[in-house]
PDB file of all heavy atoms in Angstrom:
ATOM      1  N   ASP A   1      58.041   7.071  28.481  1.00  0.00           N
ATOM      2  CA  ASP A   1      58.584   5.762  28.550  1.00  0.00           C
ATOM      3  C   ASP A   1      59.538   5.487  27.370  1.00  0.00           C
ATOM      4  O   ASP A   1      60.504   4.746  27.673  1.00  0.00           O
ATOM      5  CB  ASP A   1      57.474   4.717  28.498  1.00  0.00           C
ATOM      6  CG  ASP A   1      56.680   4.616  29.780  1.00  0.00           C
ATOM      7  OD1 ASP A   1      57.266   4.877  30.887  1.00  0.00           O
ATOM      8  OD2 ASP A   1      55.537   4.277  29.750  1.00  0.00           O
ATOM      9  N   TYR A   2      59.361   6.086  26.337  1.00  0.00           N
ATOM     10  CA  TYR A   2      60.306   5.907  25.190  1.00  0.00           C
ATOM     11  C   TYR A   2      61.554   6.757  25.479  1.00  0.00           C
ATOM     12  O   TYR A   2      62.707   6.273  25.335  1.00  0.00           O
ATOM     13  CB  TYR A   2      59.731   6.385  23.862  1.00  0.00           C
ATOM     14  CG  TYR A   2      60.617   6.440  22.710  1.00  0.00           C
ATOM     15  CD1 TYR A   2      60.949   5.252  21.941  1.00  0.00           C
ATOM     16  CD2 TYR A   2      61.327   7.661  22.353  1.00  0.00           C
ATOM     17  CE1 TYR A   2      61.737   5.237  20.916  1.00  0.00           C
ATOM     18  CE2 TYR A   2      62.177   7.616  21.203  1.00  0.00           C
ATOM     19  CZ  TYR A   2      62.412   6.479  20.542  1.00  0.00           C
ATOM     20  OH  TYR A   2      63.287   6.515  19.518  1.00  0.00           O
ATOM     21  N   ARG A   3      61.351   8.018  26.008  1.00  0.00           N
ATOM     22  CA  ARG A   3      62.542   8.923  26.161  1.00  0.00           C
ATOM     23  C   ARG A   3      63.394   8.449  27.221  1.00  0.00           C
ATOM     24  O   ARG A   3      64.715   8.583  27.232  1.00  0.00           O
ATOM     25  CB  ARG A   3      62.048  10.397  26.442  1.00  0.00           C
ATOM     26  CG  ARG A   3      61.341  11.083  25.338  1.00  0.00           C
ATOM     27  CD  ARG A   3      61.274  12.532  25.582  1.00  0.00           C
ATOM     28  NE  ARG A   3      60.719  12.897  26.943  1.00  0.00           N
ATOM     29  CZ  ARG A   3      59.401  12.982  27.120  1.00  0.00           C
ATOM     30  NH1 ARG A   3      58.555  12.846  26.172  1.00  0.00           N
ATOM     31  NH2 ARG A   3      58.949  13.274  28.348  1.00  0.00           N
ATOM     32  N   ARG A   4      62.808   7.748  28.275  1.00  0.00           N
ATOM     33  CA  ARG A   4      63.724   7.278  29.362  1.00  0.00           C
ATOM     34  C   ARG A   4      64.611   6.212  28.908  1.00  0.00           C
ATOM     35  O   ARG A   4      65.566   5.859  29.619  1.00  0.00           O
ATOM     36  CB  ARG A   4      62.848   6.916  30.601  1.00  0.00           C
ATOM     37  CG  ARG A   4      62.062   5.623  30.437  1.00  0.00           C
ATOM     38  CD  ARG A   4      61.215   5.274  31.644  1.00  0.00           C
ATOM     39  NE  ARG A   4      60.366   4.197  31.523  1.00  0.00           N
ATOM     40  CZ  ARG A   4      60.649   2.945  31.371  1.00  0.00           C
ATOM     41  NH1 ARG A   4      62.004   2.597  31.487  1.00  0.00           N
ATOM     42  NH2 ARG A   4      59.792   1.989  31.021  1.00  0.00           N
ATOM     43  N   ASN A   5      64.351   5.552  27.832  1.00  0.00           N
ATOM     44  CA  ASN A   5      65.329   4.690  27.123  1.00  0.00           C
ATOM     45  C   ASN A   5      65.737   3.447  27.922  1.00  0.00           C
ATOM     46  O   ASN A   5      66.967   3.140  27.984  1.00  0.00           O
ATOM     47  CB  ASN A   5      66.567   5.527  26.804  1.00  0.00           C
ATOM     48  CG  ASN A   5      67.421   4.923  25.783  1.00  0.00           C
ATOM     49  OD1 ASN A   5      67.009   3.929  24.967  1.00  0.00           O
ATOM     50  ND2 ASN A   5      68.712   5.246  25.675  1.00  0.00           N
ATOM     51  N   GLY A   6      64.766   2.717  28.617  1.00  0.00           N
ATOM     52  CA  GLY A   6      65.141   1.554  29.149  1.00  0.00           C
ATOM     53  C   GLY A   6      65.276   0.459  28.109  1.00  0.00           C
ATOM     54  O   GLY A   6      65.144   0.677  26.879  1.00  0.00           O
ATOM     55  N   PRO A   7      65.683  -0.753  28.497  1.00  0.00           N
ATOM     56  CA  PRO A   7      65.850  -1.872  27.509  1.00  0.00           C
ATOM     57  C   PRO A   7      64.563  -2.203  26.804  1.00  0.00           C
ATOM     58  O   PRO A   7      64.595  -2.875  25.781  1.00  0.00           O
ATOM     59  CB  PRO A   7      66.296  -3.113  28.417  1.00  0.00           C
ATOM     60  CG  PRO A   7      66.947  -2.398  29.604  1.00  0.00           C
ATOM     61  CD  PRO A   7      66.186  -1.213  29.887  1.00  0.00           C
ATOM     62  N   ASP A   8      63.451  -1.738  27.367  1.00  0.00           N
ATOM     63  CA  ASP A   8      62.143  -1.978  26.652  1.00  0.00           C
ATOM     64  C   ASP A   8      61.731  -0.709  25.665  1.00  0.00           C
ATOM     65  O   ASP A   8      60.507  -0.721  25.332  1.00  0.00           O
ATOM     66  CB  ASP A   8      61.000  -2.116  27.707  1.00  0.00           C
ATOM     67  CG  ASP A   8      60.879  -0.946  28.700  1.00  0.00           C
ATOM     68  OD1 ASP A   8      61.804  -0.034  28.664  1.00  0.00           O
ATOM     69  OD2 ASP A   8      59.938  -0.950  29.540  1.00  0.00           O
ATOM     70  N   ARG A   9      62.678   0.092  25.469  1.00  0.00           N
ATOM     71  CA  ARG A   9      62.355   1.235  24.557  1.00  0.00           C
ATOM     72  C   ARG A   9      61.608   0.889  23.254  1.00  0.00           C
ATOM     73  O   ARG A   9      60.670   1.440  22.802  1.00  0.00           O
ATOM     74  CB  ARG A   9      63.578   2.020  24.213  1.00  0.00           C
ATOM     75  CG  ARG A   9      63.454   3.256  23.378  1.00  0.00           C
ATOM     76  CD  ARG A   9      64.744   3.791  22.678  1.00  0.00           C
ATOM     77  NE  ARG A   9      65.180   2.774  21.706  1.00  0.00           N
ATOM     78  CZ  ARG A   9      66.366   2.149  21.858  1.00  0.00           C
ATOM     79  NH1 ARG A   9      67.202   2.353  22.894  1.00  0.00           N
ATOM     80  NH2 ARG A   9      66.715   1.308  20.933  1.00  0.00           N
ATOM     81  N   CYS A  10      62.090  -0.245  22.630  1.00  0.00           N
ATOM     82  CA  CYS A  10      61.575  -0.553  21.464  1.00  0.00           C
ATOM     83  C   CYS A  10      60.038  -0.920  21.471  1.00  0.00           C
ATOM     84  O   CYS A  10      59.287  -0.804  20.527  1.00  0.00           O
ATOM     85  CB  CYS A  10      62.271  -1.734  20.753  1.00  0.00           C
ATOM     86  SG  CYS A  10      63.865  -1.355  20.119  1.00  0.00           S
ATOM     87  N   PHE A  11      59.635  -1.495  22.650  1.00  0.00           N
ATOM     88  CA  PHE A  11      58.131  -1.647  22.861  1.00  0.00           C
ATOM     89  C   PHE A  11      57.339  -0.383  22.616  1.00  0.00           C
ATOM     90  O   PHE A  11      56.337  -0.423  21.888  1.00  0.00           O
ATOM     91  CB  PHE A  11      57.894  -2.253  24.181  1.00  0.00           C
ATOM     92  CG  PHE A  11      56.413  -2.322  24.539  1.00  0.00           C
ATOM     93  CD1 PHE A  11      55.750  -3.518  24.199  1.00  0.00           C
ATOM     94  CD2 PHE A  11      55.631  -1.308  25.017  1.00  0.00           C
ATOM     95  CE1 PHE A  11      54.405  -3.629  24.401  1.00  0.00           C
ATOM     96  CE2 PHE A  11      54.320  -1.346  25.285  1.00  0.00           C
ATOM     97  CZ  PHE A  11      53.724  -2.558  24.980  1.00  0.00           C
ATOM     98  N   PHE A  12      57.802   0.710  23.122  1.00  0.00           N
ATOM     99  CA  PHE A  12      57.036   1.951  23.070  1.00  0.00           C
ATOM    100  C   PHE A  12      57.049   2.532  21.656  1.00  0.00           C
ATOM    101  O   PHE A  12      56.198   3.177  21.302  1.00  0.00           O
ATOM    102  CB  PHE A  12      57.561   2.901  24.188  1.00  0.00           C
ATOM    103  CG  PHE A  12      57.372   2.352  25.544  1.00  0.00           C
ATOM    104  CD1 PHE A  12      58.555   1.862  26.214  1.00  0.00           C
ATOM    105  CD2 PHE A  12      56.298   2.212  26.082  1.00  0.00           C
ATOM    106  CE1 PHE A  12      58.493   1.366  27.390  1.00  0.00           C
ATOM    107  CE2 PHE A  12      55.965   1.707  27.363  1.00  0.00           C
ATOM    108  CZ  PHE A  12      57.171   1.212  27.991  1.00  0.00           C
ATOM    109  N   CYS A  13      58.228   2.392  21.025  1.00  0.00           N
ATOM    110  CA  CYS A  13      58.398   2.702  19.612  1.00  0.00           C
ATOM    111  C   CYS A  13      57.378   1.985  18.643  1.00  0.00           C
ATOM    112  O   CYS A  13      56.581   2.575  17.922  1.00  0.00           O
ATOM    113  CB  CYS A  13      59.822   2.491  19.106  1.00  0.00           C
ATOM    114  SG  CYS A  13      60.018   3.182  17.449  1.00  0.00           S
ATOM    115  N   LYS A  14      57.367   0.669  18.887  1.00  0.00           N
ATOM    116  CA  LYS A  14      56.521  -0.147  17.997  1.00  0.00           C
ATOM    117  C   LYS A  14      54.956   0.179  18.378  1.00  0.00           C
ATOM    118  O   LYS A  14      54.099   0.021  17.519  1.00  0.00           O
ATOM    119  CB  LYS A  14      56.799  -1.646  18.089  1.00  0.00           C
ATOM    120  CG  LYS A  14      58.114  -2.034  17.363  1.00  0.00           C
ATOM    121  CD  LYS A  14      57.881  -1.979  15.883  1.00  0.00           C
ATOM    122  CE  LYS A  14      58.871  -2.696  15.013  1.00  0.00           C
ATOM    123  NZ  LYS A  14      60.275  -1.960  15.259  1.00  0.00           N
ATOM    124  N   ASP A  15      54.788   0.281  19.676  1.00  0.00           N
ATOM    125  CA  ASP A  15      53.473   0.536  20.119  1.00  0.00           C
ATOM    126  C   ASP A  15      52.865   1.851  19.641  1.00  0.00           C
ATOM    127  O   ASP A  15      51.657   1.863  19.190  1.00  0.00           O
ATOM    128  CB  ASP A  15      53.403   0.566  21.684  1.00  0.00           C
ATOM    129  CG  ASP A  15      52.013   0.755  22.213  1.00  0.00           C
ATOM    130  OD1 ASP A  15      51.168  -0.183  22.010  1.00  0.00           O
ATOM    131  OD2 ASP A  15      51.781   1.820  22.828  1.00  0.00           O
ATOM    132  N   GLU A  16      53.742   2.769  19.535  1.00  0.00           N
ATOM    133  CA  GLU A  16      53.327   4.085  18.822  1.00  0.00           C
ATOM    134  C   GLU A  16      53.013   3.868  17.359  1.00  0.00           C
ATOM    135  O   GLU A  16      51.994   4.273  16.785  1.00  0.00           O
ATOM    136  CB  GLU A  16      54.457   5.095  18.961  1.00  0.00           C
ATOM    137  CG  GLU A  16      54.290   6.404  18.139  1.00  0.00           C
ATOM    138  CD  GLU A  16      53.160   7.341  18.623  1.00  0.00           C
ATOM    139  OE1 GLU A  16      52.644   7.057  19.854  1.00  0.00           O
ATOM    140  OE2 GLU A  16      52.752   8.187  17.941  1.00  0.00           O
ATOM    141  N   LEU A  17      53.842   3.146  16.628  1.00  0.00           N
ATOM    142  CA  LEU A  17      53.668   2.890  15.206  1.00  0.00           C
ATOM    143  C   LEU A  17      52.280   2.166  14.988  1.00  0.00           C
ATOM    144  O   LEU A  17      51.487   2.517  14.132  1.00  0.00           O
ATOM    145  CB  LEU A  17      54.786   2.119  14.699  1.00  0.00           C
ATOM    146  CG  LEU A  17      54.613   1.622  13.135  1.00  0.00           C
ATOM    147  CD1 LEU A  17      54.499   2.839  12.228  1.00  0.00           C
ATOM    148  CD2 LEU A  17      55.841   0.789  12.796  1.00  0.00           C
ATOM    149  N   PHE A  18      52.214   1.061  15.746  1.00  0.00           N
ATOM    150  CA  PHE A  18      51.023   0.224  15.539  1.00  0.00           C
ATOM    151  C   PHE A  18      49.751   0.932  15.949  1.00  0.00           C
ATOM    152  O   PHE A  18      48.653   0.717  15.427  1.00  0.00           O
ATOM    153  CB  PHE A  18      51.155  -1.158  16.228  1.00  0.00           C
ATOM    154  CG  PHE A  18      52.225  -1.951  15.628  1.00  0.00           C
ATOM    155  CD1 PHE A  18      53.147  -2.796  16.535  1.00  0.00           C
ATOM    156  CD2 PHE A  18      52.658  -1.936  14.325  1.00  0.00           C
ATOM    157  CE1 PHE A  18      54.095  -3.512  16.088  1.00  0.00           C
ATOM    158  CE2 PHE A  18      53.679  -2.764  13.863  1.00  0.00           C
ATOM    159  CZ  PHE A  18      54.425  -3.513  14.718  1.00  0.00           C
ATOM    160  N   SER A  19      49.903   1.808  16.988  1.00  0.00           N
ATOM    161  CA  SER A  19      48.623   2.617  17.416  1.00  0.00           C
ATOM    162  C   SER A  19      48.244   3.572  16.377  1.00  0.00           C
ATOM    163  O   SER A  19      47.094   3.703  16.023  1.00  0.00           O
ATOM    164  CB  SER A  19      49.033   3.341  18.686  1.00  0.00           C
ATOM    165  OG  SER A  19      49.231   2.455  19.803  1.00  0.00           O
ATOM    166  N   VAL A  20      49.295   4.303  15.698  1.00  0.00           N
ATOM    167  CA  VAL A  20      48.890   5.169  14.663  1.00  0.00           C
ATOM    168  C   VAL A  20      48.314   4.380  13.493  1.00  0.00           C
ATOM    169  O   VAL A  20      47.313   4.933  12.913  1.00  0.00           O
ATOM    170  CB  VAL A  20      50.241   5.906  14.254  1.00  0.00           C
ATOM    171  CG1 VAL A  20      49.965   6.678  12.890  1.00  0.00           C
ATOM    172  CG2 VAL A  20      50.692   6.792  15.224  1.00  0.00           C
ATOM    173  N   ILE A  21      48.920   3.383  13.123  1.00  0.00           N
ATOM    174  CA  ILE A  21      48.243   2.537  11.982  1.00  0.00           C
ATOM    175  C   ILE A  21      46.868   2.102  12.306  1.00  0.00           C
ATOM    176  O   ILE A  21      45.929   2.231  11.462  1.00  0.00           O
ATOM    177  CB  ILE A  21      49.154   1.310  11.742  1.00  0.00           C
ATOM    178  CG1 ILE A  21      50.508   1.683  11.174  1.00  0.00           C
ATOM    179  CG2 ILE A  21      48.505   0.267  10.768  1.00  0.00           C
ATOM    180  CD1 ILE A  21      51.484   0.608  10.989  1.00  0.00           C
ATOM    181  N   THR A  22      46.630   1.532  13.512  1.00  0.00           N
ATOM    182  CA  THR A  22      45.277   1.167  13.942  1.00  0.00           C
ATOM    183  C   THR A  22      44.339   2.318  13.968  1.00  0.00           C
ATOM    184  O   THR A  22      43.128   2.290  13.485  1.00  0.00           O
ATOM    185  CB  THR A  22      45.327   0.504  15.289  1.00  0.00           C
ATOM    186  OG1 THR A  22      46.235  -0.636  15.253  1.00  0.00           O
ATOM    187  CG2 THR A  22      43.972   0.007  15.702  1.00  0.00           C
ATOM    188  N   ASP A  23      44.768   3.469  14.476  1.00  0.00           N
ATOM    189  CA  ASP A  23      43.863   4.559  14.740  1.00  0.00           C
ATOM    190  C   ASP A  23      43.545   5.266  13.362  1.00  0.00           C
ATOM    191  O   ASP A  23      42.488   5.726  13.175  1.00  0.00           O
ATOM    192  CB  ASP A  23      44.495   5.659  15.634  1.00  0.00           C
ATOM    193  CG  ASP A  23      44.458   5.010  17.078  1.00  0.00           C
ATOM    194  OD1 ASP A  23      43.828   4.006  17.408  1.00  0.00           O
ATOM    195  OD2 ASP A  23      45.206   5.637  17.914  1.00  0.00           O
ATOM    196  N   GLU A  24      44.555   5.398  12.462  1.00  0.00           N
ATOM    197  CA  GLU A  24      44.442   6.212  11.324  1.00  0.00           C
ATOM    198  C   GLU A  24      44.226   5.512  10.007  1.00  0.00           C
ATOM    199  O   GLU A  24      43.644   6.036   9.071  1.00  0.00           O
ATOM    200  CB  GLU A  24      45.702   7.098  11.142  1.00  0.00           C
ATOM    201  CG  GLU A  24      45.928   8.078  12.370  1.00  0.00           C
ATOM    202  CD  GLU A  24      47.041   9.030  12.063  1.00  0.00           C
ATOM    203  OE1 GLU A  24      47.613   8.999  10.968  1.00  0.00           O
ATOM    204  OE2 GLU A  24      47.495   9.684  12.970  1.00  0.00           O
ATOM    205  N   LEU A  25      44.644   4.266   9.962  1.00  0.00           N
ATOM    206  CA  LEU A  25      44.706   3.678   8.613  1.00  0.00           C
ATOM    207  C   LEU A  25      43.874   2.393   8.429  1.00  0.00           C
ATOM    208  O   LEU A  25      43.432   2.152   7.292  1.00  0.00           O
ATOM    209  CB  LEU A  25      46.228   3.284   8.308  1.00  0.00           C
ATOM    210  CG  LEU A  25      47.203   4.384   8.283  1.00  0.00           C
ATOM    211  CD1 LEU A  25      48.538   3.829   7.858  1.00  0.00           C
ATOM    212  CD2 LEU A  25      46.892   5.495   7.266  1.00  0.00           C
ATOM    213  N   VAL A  26      43.678   1.653   9.479  1.00  0.00           N
ATOM    214  CA  VAL A  26      42.905   0.419   9.226  1.00  0.00           C
ATOM    215  C   VAL A  26      41.604   0.588   8.647  1.00  0.00           C
ATOM    216  O   VAL A  26      41.242   0.012   7.575  1.00  0.00           O
ATOM    217  CB  VAL A  26      42.876  -0.408  10.545  1.00  0.00           C
ATOM    218  CG1 VAL A  26      41.943  -1.580  10.326  1.00  0.00           C
ATOM    219  CG2 VAL A  26      44.258  -1.033  11.005  1.00  0.00           C
ATOM    220  N   ALA A  27      40.768   1.495   9.233  1.00  0.00           N
ATOM    221  CA  ALA A  27      39.457   1.797   8.642  1.00  0.00           C
ATOM    222  C   ALA A  27      39.600   2.601   7.396  1.00  0.00           C
ATOM    223  O   ALA A  27      38.991   2.232   6.411  1.00  0.00           O
ATOM    224  CB  ALA A  27      38.649   2.504   9.722  1.00  0.00           C
ATOM    225  N   ALA A  28      40.395   3.554   7.387  1.00  0.00           N
ATOM    226  CA  ALA A  28      40.372   4.514   6.236  1.00  0.00           C
ATOM    227  C   ALA A  28      40.969   3.771   4.965  1.00  0.00           C
ATOM    228  O   ALA A  28      40.524   4.103   3.905  1.00  0.00           O
ATOM    229  CB  ALA A  28      41.363   5.647   6.628  1.00  0.00           C
ATOM    230  N   GLN A  29      41.856   2.878   5.120  1.00  0.00           N
ATOM    231  CA  GLN A  29      42.393   2.195   3.969  1.00  0.00           C
ATOM    232  C   GLN A  29      41.787   0.744   3.771  1.00  0.00           C
ATOM    233  O   GLN A  29      42.195   0.067   2.890  1.00  0.00           O
ATOM    234  CB  GLN A  29      43.964   1.976   4.157  1.00  0.00           C
ATOM    235  CG  GLN A  29      44.750   3.349   4.263  1.00  0.00           C
ATOM    236  CD  GLN A  29      44.648   4.018   2.850  1.00  0.00           C
ATOM    237  OE1 GLN A  29      44.657   3.436   1.876  1.00  0.00           O
ATOM    238  NE2 GLN A  29      44.848   5.328   2.885  1.00  0.00           N
ATOM    239  N   GLY A  30      40.903   0.346   4.597  1.00  0.00           N
ATOM    240  CA  GLY A  30      40.193  -0.813   4.483  1.00  0.00           C
ATOM    241  C   GLY A  30      41.081  -2.018   4.659  1.00  0.00           C
ATOM    242  O   GLY A  30      40.949  -3.034   3.937  1.00  0.00           O
ATOM    243  N   LEU A  31      42.032  -1.901   5.613  1.00  0.00           N
ATOM    244  CA  LEU A  31      42.897  -3.085   5.934  1.00  0.00           C
ATOM    245  C   LEU A  31      42.187  -4.080   6.683  1.00  0.00           C
ATOM    246  O   LEU A  31      41.492  -3.864   7.645  1.00  0.00           O
ATOM    247  CB  LEU A  31      44.138  -2.516   6.611  1.00  0.00           C
ATOM    248  CG  LEU A  31      44.969  -1.421   5.824  1.00  0.00           C
ATOM    249  CD1 LEU A  31      46.085  -0.977   6.821  1.00  0.00           C
ATOM    250  CD2 LEU A  31      45.454  -1.854   4.503  1.00  0.00           C
ATOM    251  N   ASP A  32      42.455  -5.299   6.334  1.00  0.00           N
ATOM    252  CA  ASP A  32      42.096  -6.472   7.179  1.00  0.00           C
ATOM    253  C   ASP A  32      43.046  -6.945   8.131  1.00  0.00           C
ATOM    254  O   ASP A  32      42.710  -7.501   9.277  1.00  0.00           O
ATOM    255  CB  ASP A  32      41.722  -7.700   6.355  1.00  0.00           C
ATOM    256  CG  ASP A  32      40.690  -7.413   5.279  1.00  0.00           C
ATOM    257  OD1 ASP A  32      39.572  -7.055   5.683  1.00  0.00           O
ATOM    258  OD2 ASP A  32      40.893  -7.491   4.048  1.00  0.00           O
ATOM    259  N   ALA A  33      44.358  -6.602   7.942  1.00  0.00           N
ATOM    260  CA  ALA A  33      45.389  -6.993   8.898  1.00  0.00           C
ATOM    261  C   ALA A  33      46.605  -6.086   8.647  1.00  0.00           C
ATOM    262  O   ALA A  33      46.713  -5.503   7.557  1.00  0.00           O
ATOM    263  CB  ALA A  33      45.739  -8.449   8.741  1.00  0.00           C
ATOM    264  N   VAL A  34      47.520  -6.123   9.638  1.00  0.00           N
ATOM    265  CA  VAL A  34      48.793  -5.460   9.468  1.00  0.00           C
ATOM    266  C   VAL A  34      49.818  -6.513   9.805  1.00  0.00           C
ATOM    267  O   VAL A  34      49.718  -7.294  10.662  1.00  0.00           O
ATOM    268  CB  VAL A  34      48.917  -4.290  10.508  1.00  0.00           C
ATOM    269  CG1 VAL A  34      50.239  -3.600  10.451  1.00  0.00           C
ATOM    270  CG2 VAL A  34      47.794  -3.237  10.182  1.00  0.00           C
ATOM    271  N   ALA A  35      51.051  -6.425   9.126  1.00  0.00           N
ATOM    272  CA  ALA A  35      52.032  -7.378   9.330  1.00  0.00           C
ATOM    273  C   ALA A  35      53.422  -6.589   9.461  1.00  0.00           C
ATOM    274  O   ALA A  35      53.494  -5.457   8.988  1.00  0.00           O
ATOM    275  CB  ALA A  35      52.109  -8.337   8.168  1.00  0.00           C
ATOM    276  N   TYR A  36      54.286  -7.202  10.146  1.00  0.00           N
ATOM    277  CA  TYR A  36      55.596  -6.528  10.200  1.00  0.00           C
ATOM    278  C   TYR A  36      56.715  -7.715  10.010  1.00  0.00           C
ATOM    279  O   TYR A  36      56.375  -8.878  10.082  1.00  0.00           O
ATOM    280  CB  TYR A  36      55.865  -5.813  11.445  1.00  0.00           C
ATOM    281  CG  TYR A  36      56.272  -6.549  12.730  1.00  0.00           C
ATOM    282  CD1 TYR A  36      57.437  -6.233  13.451  1.00  0.00           C
ATOM    283  CD2 TYR A  36      55.594  -7.638  13.245  1.00  0.00           C
ATOM    284  CE1 TYR A  36      57.861  -6.884  14.604  1.00  0.00           C
ATOM    285  CE2 TYR A  36      56.029  -8.262  14.411  1.00  0.00           C
ATOM    286  CZ  TYR A  36      57.102  -7.916  15.026  1.00  0.00           C
ATOM    287  OH  TYR A  36      57.551  -8.580  16.160  1.00  0.00           O
ATOM    288  N   GLY A  37      58.009  -7.228   9.948  1.00  0.00           N
ATOM    289  CA  GLY A  37      59.061  -8.139   9.355  1.00  0.00           C
ATOM    290  C   GLY A  37      59.830  -8.933  10.268  1.00  0.00           C
ATOM    291  O   GLY A  37      60.954  -9.213  10.158  1.00  0.00           O
ATOM    292  N   GLU A  38      59.150  -9.442  11.486  1.00  0.00           N
ATOM    293  CA  GLU A  38      59.912 -10.363  12.364  1.00  0.00           C
ATOM    294  C   GLU A  38      60.197 -11.598  11.629  1.00  0.00           C
ATOM    295  O   GLU A  38      59.352 -12.130  11.070  1.00  0.00           O
ATOM    296  CB  GLU A  38      59.130 -10.586  13.617  1.00  0.00           C
ATOM    297  CG  GLU A  38      59.783 -11.525  14.536  1.00  0.00           C
ATOM    298  CD  GLU A  38      58.927 -11.865  15.867  1.00  0.00           C
ATOM    299  OE1 GLU A  38      58.779 -10.905  16.687  1.00  0.00           O
ATOM    300  OE2 GLU A  38      58.259 -12.932  15.878  1.00  0.00           O
ATOM    301  N   ASN A  39      61.493 -12.029  11.682  1.00  0.00           N
ATOM    302  CA  ASN A  39      61.796 -13.355  11.101  1.00  0.00           C
ATOM    303  C   ASN A  39      61.944 -14.399  12.209  1.00  0.00           C
ATOM    304  O   ASN A  39      61.786 -14.098  13.476  1.00  0.00           O
ATOM    305  CB  ASN A  39      63.075 -13.361  10.297  1.00  0.00           C
ATOM    306  CG  ASN A  39      64.293 -12.827  11.089  1.00  0.00           C
ATOM    307  OD1 ASN A  39      64.658 -13.461  12.071  1.00  0.00           O
ATOM    308  ND2 ASN A  39      65.026 -11.802  10.589  1.00  0.00           N
ATOM    309  N   ALA A  40      62.302 -15.703  11.860  1.00  0.00           N
ATOM    310  CA  ALA A  40      62.324 -16.741  12.771  1.00  0.00           C
ATOM    311  C   ALA A  40      63.434 -16.642  13.772  1.00  0.00           C
ATOM    312  O   ALA A  40      63.285 -17.093  14.957  1.00  0.00           O
ATOM    313  CB  ALA A  40      62.431 -18.068  11.991  1.00  0.00           C
ATOM    314  N   ASP A  41      64.484 -16.004  13.373  1.00  0.00           N
ATOM    315  CA  ASP A  41      65.653 -15.790  14.229  1.00  0.00           C
ATOM    316  C   ASP A  41      65.279 -14.667  15.248  1.00  0.00           C
ATOM    317  O   ASP A  41      65.531 -14.819  16.554  1.00  0.00           O
ATOM    318  CB  ASP A  41      66.886 -15.289  13.606  1.00  0.00           C
ATOM    319  CG  ASP A  41      67.584 -16.310  12.916  1.00  0.00           C
ATOM    320  OD1 ASP A  41      67.465 -17.620  13.243  1.00  0.00           O
ATOM    321  OD2 ASP A  41      68.219 -16.017  11.894  1.00  0.00           O
ATOM    322  N   ASP A  42      64.672 -13.585  14.930  1.00  0.00           N
ATOM    323  CA  ASP A  42      64.090 -12.622  15.751  1.00  0.00           C
ATOM    324  C   ASP A  42      63.228 -13.107  16.893  1.00  0.00           C
ATOM    325  O   ASP A  42      63.235 -12.740  18.028  1.00  0.00           O
ATOM    326  CB  ASP A  42      63.394 -11.464  15.106  1.00  0.00           C
ATOM    327  CG  ASP A  42      64.154 -10.681  14.116  1.00  0.00           C
ATOM    328  OD1 ASP A  42      65.412 -10.704  14.285  1.00  0.00           O
ATOM    329  OD2 ASP A  42      63.607 -10.126  13.103  1.00  0.00           O
ATOM    330  N   ALA A  43      62.301 -14.115  16.491  1.00  0.00           N
ATOM    331  CA  ALA A  43      61.417 -14.690  17.447  1.00  0.00           C
ATOM    332  C   ALA A  43      61.990 -15.341  18.530  1.00  0.00           C
ATOM    333  O   ALA A  43      61.428 -15.534  19.628  1.00  0.00           O
ATOM    334  CB  ALA A  43      60.485 -15.563  16.619  1.00  0.00           C
TER     335      ALA A  43
END
């Protein structure tokens, strides 16, 4: 879905990143939450 490069490509990129963080880091690093840099204009 990422390689086919539709207008929704960024969803699959971010989904991959957040999946890796959730699967590998949240428990191992004792994270209570994850945040990213969306600003009010982006929203």
